[in-house]
C-alpha atoms as a PDB file:
ATOM      1  CA  MET A   1      75.176  85.033  47.302  1.00  0.00           C
ATOM      2  CA  ILE A   2      76.902  84.515  50.407  1.00  0.00           C
ATOM      3  CA  LEU A   3      78.671  81.228  49.663  1.00  0.00           C
ATOM      4  CA  PHE A   4      79.351  82.467  45.809  1.00  0.00           C
ATOM      5  CA  LEU A   5      81.073  85.370  47.936  1.00  0.00           C
ATOM      6  CA  LEU A   6      82.982  82.978  50.641  1.00  0.00           C
ATOM      7  CA  LEU A   7      84.294  80.809  47.999  1.00  0.00           C
ATOM      8  CA  VAL A   8      85.730  83.745  45.980  1.00  0.00           C
ATOM      9  CA  LEU A   9      87.306  84.707  48.904  1.00  0.00           C
ATOM     10  CA  VAL A  10      88.542  81.077  49.806  1.00  0.00           C
ATOM     11  CA  ALA A  11      90.289  80.895  46.368  1.00  0.00           C
ATOM     12  CA  VAL A  12      91.585  84.030  46.185  1.00  0.00           C
ATOM     13  CA  ILE A  13      92.807  83.603  50.337  1.00  0.00           C
ATOM     14  CA  LEU A  14      94.084  79.686  48.427  1.00  0.00           C
ATOM     15  CA  GLY A  15      95.718  81.376  46.143  1.00  0.00           C
ATOM     16  CA  ILE A  16      97.524  84.214  47.353  1.00  0.00           C
ATOM     17  CA  ILE A  17      99.400  81.616  49.848  1.00  0.00           C
ATOM     18  CA  GLY A  18     100.019  78.613  46.634  1.00  0.00           C
ATOM     19  CA  PHE A  19     101.486  82.002  45.278  1.00  0.00           C
ATOM     20  CA  ALA A  20     104.022  83.286  47.981  1.00  0.00           C
ATOM     21  CA  VAL A  21     105.459  79.850  49.596  1.00  0.00           C
ATOM     22  CA  HIS A  22     108.142  78.902  48.263  1.00  0.00           C
ATOM     23  CA  GLY A  23     105.950  74.632  47.235  1.00  0.00           C
ATOM     24  CA  LEU A  24     102.209  75.232  47.628  1.00  0.00           C
ATOM     25  CA  PHE A  25     101.621  75.324  44.201  1.00  0.00           C
ATOM     26  CA  PHE A  26      99.275  73.033  44.963  1.00  0.00           C
ATOM     27  CA  LEU A  27      97.312  75.364  46.563  1.00  0.00           C
ATOM     28  CA  LEU A  28      96.672  77.927  43.810  1.00  0.00           C
ATOM     29  CA  VAL A  29      96.096  74.834  41.773  1.00  0.00           C
ATOM     30  CA  ILE A  30      93.077  74.086  44.535  1.00  0.00           C
ATOM     31  CA  GLY A  31      92.416  77.918  44.807  1.00  0.00           C
ATOM     32  CA  ALA A  32      92.205  78.185  40.859  1.00  0.00           C
ATOM     33  CA  VAL A  33      89.941  74.959  40.484  1.00  0.00           C
ATOM     34  CA  VAL A  34      87.748  76.703  43.306  1.00  0.00           C
ATOM     35  CA  LEU A  35      87.192  79.562  41.606  1.00  0.00           C
ATOM     36  CA  VAL A  36      86.278  77.951  38.526  1.00  0.00           C
ATOM     37  CA  VAL A  37      83.910  75.576  40.464  1.00  0.00           C
ATOM     38  CA  ASP A  38      82.307  78.822  41.477  1.00  0.00           C
ATOM     39  CA  LEU A  39      81.655  80.622  38.256  1.00  0.00           C
ATOM     40  CA  ALA A  40      80.140  77.295  36.476  1.00  0.00           C
ATOM     41  CA  TYR A  41      77.635  77.343  40.028  1.00  0.00           C
ATOM     42  CA  ALA A  42      76.629  80.818  39.634  1.00  0.00           C
ATOM     43  CA  GLY A  43      76.349  80.739  36.023  1.00  0.00           C
ATOM     44  CA  ILE A  44      74.007  78.092  36.450  1.00  0.00           C
ATOM     45  CA  ARG A  45      71.747  79.537  38.715  1.00  0.00           C
ATOM     46  CA  LEU A  46      71.031  82.754  37.222  1.00  0.00           C
ATOM     47  CA  GLY A  47      70.469  81.167  33.882  1.00  0.00           C
ATOM     48  CA  ARG A  48      68.164  78.860  35.731  1.00  0.00           C
ATOM     49  CA  GLY A  49      66.313  81.796  38.186  1.00  0.00           C
ATOM     50  CA  GLY A  50      65.117  83.458  35.333  1.00  0.00           C
ATOM     51  CA  ARG A  51      62.422  81.158  33.976  1.00  0.00           C
ATOM     52  CA  LYS A  52      58.915  81.463  35.495  1.00  0.00           C
ATOM     53  CA  ARG A  53      57.623  77.575  35.865  1.00  0.00           C
ATOM     54  CA  ILE A  54      53.747  77.179  34.259  1.00  0.00           C
ATOM     55  CA  ALA A  55      51.546  76.001  36.978  1.00  0.00           C
ATOM     56  CA  ARG A  56      48.997  73.361  36.089  1.00  0.00           C
END
């Protein structure tokens, strides 16, 4: 959970810097990519976490 929140924070900071500073639009794009990857990672982790494995 800490990794998820840290990556969201990094994505927001990169997005703000990329939007505010002229010529650093690529930081906004990188921030968006980090956010999408982070949300996908969280979705996969939450989807996998609900299943219980059967011991044989």
